[in-house]
Amino acid sequence: YFTSVGFVLLLAFVVERMRSRFLRKTIFVSFVFYFLITGTFNGRFWAGEETLLRRVSHMEGKDFTVAFEQLAMRFDDDEATVMRLINSARSPASQSIWYKRLGNIYRKGGEHSKAIAALSEAIRLNPSNIEALNELGVCFWETGRDEEGLAYLKRSMAADRRQTDAYRLLGVFFYRKGNFPVAIPYLKVACANDPDQKESTVHLMMAYFFMHDEEAYLNAVDN
């Protein structure tokens, strides 16, 4: 609570109305000292997730590499590490996960041809890899191959009707094309599947706005 914006504003309001200059300075110096101490403490003992994973990975043995794999999956865009994990994977499903990660690294680096090859291999190894299907669809869109991208997103959607990503991506795709009547049904499903997903809600709201559907727009704003 003592680091919240509300508390800082309340403190400023109270201090501003104090008549004693000495007291105001004392409170100010005390809180500066407090924030310096807690900042140092938190930085050392309450480090971020990536820092904690790195510390744990240094203590892991050869047969237990959970932290190392989490770093490779989420934080380290290192092709060699991912290739090593692909080669050591014990099942096609595990290999598929790491090929998807490899495709993600290539795509973020702008190497779309390599990304498409890696993601295609991920899907070959596990046709139900939803994340690989979605990322491959986006990869095709980014290279101007819209129809192929749509095909993979629809394939992903058919594989799991309860997911959010494929519906969201399809809705945003048609929204950006200005095809609001087609975008709206996808965005509505994305919002229903994950009410806390803000991107879908905002795009749905704006689609109604551009469609001049005032009632639906206001309902989306309320949501």
Protein backbone atom coordinates (compact mmCIF):
# COMPACT_ATOMS: atom_id res chain seq x y z
CA TYR A 1 0.00 0.00 0.00
CA PHE A 2 2.86 2.39 0.85
CA THR A 3 4.05 2.34 -2.78
CA SER A 4 0.61 2.91 -4.28
CA VAL A 5 -0.27 6.05 -6.22
CA GLY A 6 -3.24 6.68 -3.94
CA PHE A 7 -1.09 6.73 -0.83
CA VAL A 8 1.51 9.02 -2.42
CA LEU A 9 -1.20 11.49 -3.45
CA LEU A 10 -2.74 11.38 0.02
CA LEU A 11 0.65 11.94 1.62
CA ALA A 12 1.34 14.89 -0.70
CA PHE A 13 -2.04 16.38 0.18
CA VAL A 14 -1.36 16.12 3.95
CA VAL A 15 2.26 17.32 3.81
CA GLU A 16 1.32 20.30 1.66
CA ARG A 17 -1.00 21.53 4.42
CA MET A 18 1.54 21.21 7.23
CA ARG A 19 2.71 24.52 8.63
CA SER A 20 6.01 23.26 10.00
CA ARG A 21 8.72 23.40 7.36
CA PHE A 22 10.98 21.17 9.44
CA LEU A 23 8.26 18.52 9.73
CA ARG A 24 7.63 18.57 5.97
CA LYS A 25 11.34 18.07 5.27
CA THR A 26 11.59 15.28 7.84
CA ILE A 27 8.68 13.36 6.28
CA PHE A 28 10.07 13.86 2.78
CA VAL A 29 13.57 12.61 3.73
CA SER A 30 12.08 9.65 5.64
CA PHE A 31 10.09 8.47 2.65
CA VAL A 32 12.99 8.90 0.23
CA PHE A 33 15.08 6.75 2.59
CA TYR A 34 12.21 4.25 2.85
CA PHE A 35 11.88 3.87 -0.94
CA LEU A 36 15.65 3.48 -1.34
CA ILE A 37 15.75 0.71 1.27
CA THR A 38 12.70 -1.17 -0.04
CA GLY A 39 13.87 -0.77 -3.64
CA THR A 40 17.19 -2.39 -2.75
CA PHE A 41 15.48 -5.12 -0.73
CA ASN A 42 12.98 -5.93 -3.45
CA GLY A 43 15.64 -5.93 -6.14
CA ARG A 44 17.64 -8.49 -4.20
CA PHE A 45 14.99 -10.73 -2.67
CA TRP A 46 11.95 -10.21 -4.93
CA ALA A 47 13.56 -10.40 -8.34
CA GLY A 48 11.64 -10.76 -11.58
CA GLU A 49 10.57 -14.13 -12.91
CA GLU A 50 13.35 -14.28 -15.51
CA THR A 51 16.02 -13.58 -12.89
CA LEU A 52 14.64 -16.26 -10.58
CA LEU A 53 14.51 -18.80 -13.42
CA ARG A 54 18.15 -18.09 -14.25
CA ARG A 55 19.17 -18.66 -10.64
CA VAL A 56 17.28 -21.95 -10.47
CA SER A 57 18.62 -23.12 -13.84
CA HIS A 58 22.19 -22.85 -12.52
CA MET A 59 21.27 -25.30 -9.76
CA GLU A 60 19.54 -27.84 -12.00
CA GLY A 61 21.12 -31.13 -12.89
CA LYS A 62 21.19 -32.82 -16.30
CA ASP A 63 18.02 -34.79 -15.59
CA PHE A 64 15.95 -31.86 -14.33
CA THR A 65 15.86 -28.81 -16.58
CA VAL A 66 12.47 -27.20 -15.98
CA ALA A 67 13.84 -23.69 -15.36
CA PHE A 68 16.24 -23.99 -18.30
CA GLU A 69 13.41 -24.98 -20.63
CA GLN A 70 11.19 -22.14 -19.36
CA LEU A 71 13.97 -19.68 -20.16
CA ALA A 72 14.36 -21.14 -23.64
CA MET A 73 10.62 -21.05 -24.24
CA ARG A 74 9.86 -17.58 -22.94
CA PHE A 75 12.92 -15.38 -22.63
CA ASP A 76 15.96 -16.58 -24.61
CA ASP A 77 15.66 -16.27 -28.39
CA ASP A 78 18.58 -18.63 -28.97
CA GLU A 79 18.26 -20.85 -32.02
CA ALA A 80 21.05 -23.23 -30.95
CA THR A 81 19.45 -23.88 -27.57
CA VAL A 82 16.07 -24.63 -29.11
CA MET A 83 17.64 -26.96 -31.68
CA ARG A 84 19.32 -28.83 -28.84
CA LEU A 85 15.97 -29.20 -27.09
CA ILE A 86 14.35 -30.43 -30.33
CA ASN A 87 17.03 -33.11 -30.70
CA SER A 88 16.66 -34.24 -27.08
CA ALA A 89 12.83 -34.27 -27.08
CA ARG A 90 11.41 -37.69 -26.31
CA SER A 91 8.19 -37.54 -28.31
CA PRO A 92 6.83 -35.97 -31.51
CA ALA A 93 4.52 -33.80 -29.40
CA SER A 94 7.48 -32.38 -27.47
CA GLN A 95 9.41 -31.81 -30.68
CA SER A 96 6.39 -30.00 -32.09
CA ILE A 97 6.38 -27.59 -29.14
CA TRP A 98 10.02 -26.71 -29.68
CA TYR A 99 9.66 -26.39 -33.47
CA LYS A 100 6.86 -23.92 -32.79
CA ARG A 101 9.22 -21.96 -30.52
CA LEU A 102 11.89 -22.05 -33.23
CA GLY A 103 9.39 -20.69 -35.74
CA ASN A 104 8.50 -17.92 -33.30
CA ILE A 105 12.18 -16.93 -33.01
CA TYR A 106 12.58 -16.85 -36.80
CA ARG A 107 9.38 -14.86 -37.25
CA LYS A 108 10.38 -12.25 -34.68
CA GLY A 109 13.73 -11.97 -36.45
CA GLY A 110 12.04 -11.35 -39.82
CA GLU A 111 13.15 -14.69 -41.28
CA HIS A 112 9.71 -15.71 -42.49
CA SER A 113 10.78 -18.49 -44.85
CA LYS A 114 12.59 -20.26 -42.01
CA ALA A 115 9.66 -19.57 -39.69
CA ILE A 116 7.20 -21.14 -42.13
CA ALA A 117 9.41 -24.24 -42.46
CA ALA A 118 9.75 -24.65 -38.68
CA LEU A 119 6.06 -24.09 -37.99
CA SER A 120 5.06 -26.47 -40.76
CA GLU A 121 7.27 -29.13 -39.16
CA ALA A 122 5.64 -28.44 -35.78
CA ILE A 123 2.22 -29.07 -37.33
CA ARG A 124 3.43 -32.20 -39.14
CA LEU A 125 4.62 -33.64 -35.83
CA ASN A 126 1.43 -32.64 -34.03
CA PRO A 127 -1.52 -31.53 -36.20
CA SER A 128 -3.33 -30.40 -33.02
CA ASN A 129 -0.66 -27.86 -32.08
CA ILE A 130 -3.01 -24.85 -31.93
CA GLU A 131 -0.27 -22.32 -31.22
CA ALA A 132 1.74 -23.46 -34.25
CA LEU A 133 -1.35 -23.27 -36.49
CA ASN A 134 -2.09 -19.74 -35.28
CA GLU A 135 1.47 -18.50 -35.65
CA LEU A 136 1.82 -20.01 -39.11
CA GLY A 137 -1.38 -18.25 -40.15
CA VAL A 138 -0.01 -14.93 -38.93
CA CYS A 139 3.32 -15.64 -40.63
CA PHE A 140 1.54 -16.09 -43.96
CA TRP A 141 -0.37 -12.84 -43.44
CA GLU A 142 2.86 -10.98 -42.77
CA THR A 143 4.23 -12.19 -46.10
CA GLY A 144 1.12 -11.19 -48.05
CA ARG A 145 -0.28 -14.73 -48.38
CA ASP A 146 -3.68 -13.95 -46.91
CA GLU A 147 -5.60 -16.97 -48.16
CA GLU A 148 -3.06 -19.43 -46.78
CA GLY A 149 -3.09 -17.57 -43.47
CA LEU A 150 -6.88 -17.72 -43.30
CA ALA A 151 -6.83 -21.45 -44.02
CA TYR A 152 -4.53 -22.19 -41.08
CA LEU A 153 -6.47 -19.95 -38.68
CA LYS A 154 -9.74 -21.65 -39.65
CA ARG A 155 -8.07 -25.03 -39.23
CA SER A 156 -6.99 -23.98 -35.75
CA MET A 157 -10.48 -22.75 -34.94
CA ALA A 158 -12.00 -26.06 -36.04
CA ALA A 159 -9.53 -27.98 -33.86
CA ASP A 160 -10.62 -26.18 -30.69
CA ARG A 161 -13.81 -24.12 -30.61
CA ARG A 162 -13.19 -23.02 -27.02
CA GLN A 163 -9.93 -21.22 -27.70
CA THR A 164 -9.64 -17.45 -28.06
CA ASP A 165 -6.59 -16.75 -30.23
CA ALA A 166 -7.82 -17.98 -33.61
CA TYR A 167 -11.12 -16.09 -33.26
CA ARG A 168 -9.30 -12.96 -32.09
CA LEU A 169 -6.78 -13.10 -34.93
CA LEU A 170 -9.45 -13.67 -37.56
CA GLY A 171 -11.57 -10.86 -36.15
CA VAL A 172 -8.65 -8.43 -36.09
CA PHE A 173 -7.62 -9.49 -39.62
CA PHE A 174 -11.04 -8.69 -41.11
CA TYR A 175 -11.32 -5.55 -38.97
CA ARG A 176 -8.08 -4.20 -40.43
CA LYS A 177 -9.37 -5.01 -43.90
CA GLY A 178 -12.45 -2.89 -43.13
CA ASN A 179 -14.72 -5.92 -43.42
CA PHE A 180 -16.60 -5.24 -40.18
CA PRO A 181 -19.64 -7.52 -40.77
CA VAL A 182 -17.28 -10.51 -41.08
CA ALA A 183 -15.03 -9.38 -38.23
CA ILE A 184 -17.81 -8.95 -35.65
CA PRO A 185 -18.88 -12.65 -35.28
CA TYR A 186 -15.26 -13.74 -34.72
CA LEU A 187 -14.66 -10.96 -32.19
CA LYS A 188 -17.89 -11.79 -30.34
CA VAL A 189 -16.80 -15.41 -29.90
CA ALA A 190 -13.32 -14.30 -28.79
CA CYS A 191 -14.91 -12.04 -26.16
CA ALA A 192 -17.28 -14.79 -25.01
CA ASN A 193 -14.44 -17.32 -24.70
CA ASP A 194 -12.24 -14.88 -22.77
CA PRO A 195 -14.12 -11.86 -21.34
CA ASP A 196 -10.88 -10.43 -19.89
CA GLN A 197 -9.17 -10.25 -23.30
CA LYS A 198 -9.13 -6.50 -23.98
CA GLU A 199 -7.93 -6.50 -27.60
CA SER A 200 -10.98 -8.36 -28.85
CA THR A 201 -13.34 -6.13 -26.86
CA VAL A 202 -11.79 -2.92 -28.19
CA HIS A 203 -11.88 -4.12 -31.80
CA LEU A 204 -15.48 -5.28 -31.39
CA MET A 205 -16.45 -1.91 -29.95
CA MET A 206 -14.80 -0.03 -32.82
CA ALA A 207 -16.32 -2.35 -35.43
CA TYR A 208 -19.78 -1.50 -34.12
CA PHE A 209 -18.83 2.18 -34.15
CA PHE A 210 -17.83 2.09 -37.82
CA MET A 211 -20.98 0.09 -38.59
CA HIS A 212 -23.02 2.92 -36.97
CA ASP A 213 -24.66 0.38 -34.63
CA GLU A 214 -25.04 2.72 -31.65
CA GLU A 215 -26.78 0.28 -29.30
CA ALA A 216 -24.24 -2.51 -29.84
CA TYR A 217 -21.40 0.01 -29.56
CA LEU A 218 -22.63 1.27 -26.19
CA ASN A 219 -23.05 -2.29 -24.91
CA ALA A 220 -19.46 -3.04 -25.93
CA VAL A 221 -18.28 0.12 -24.17
CA ASP A 222 -20.08 -0.99 -20.99
CA ASN A 223 -18.33 -4.35 -21.18
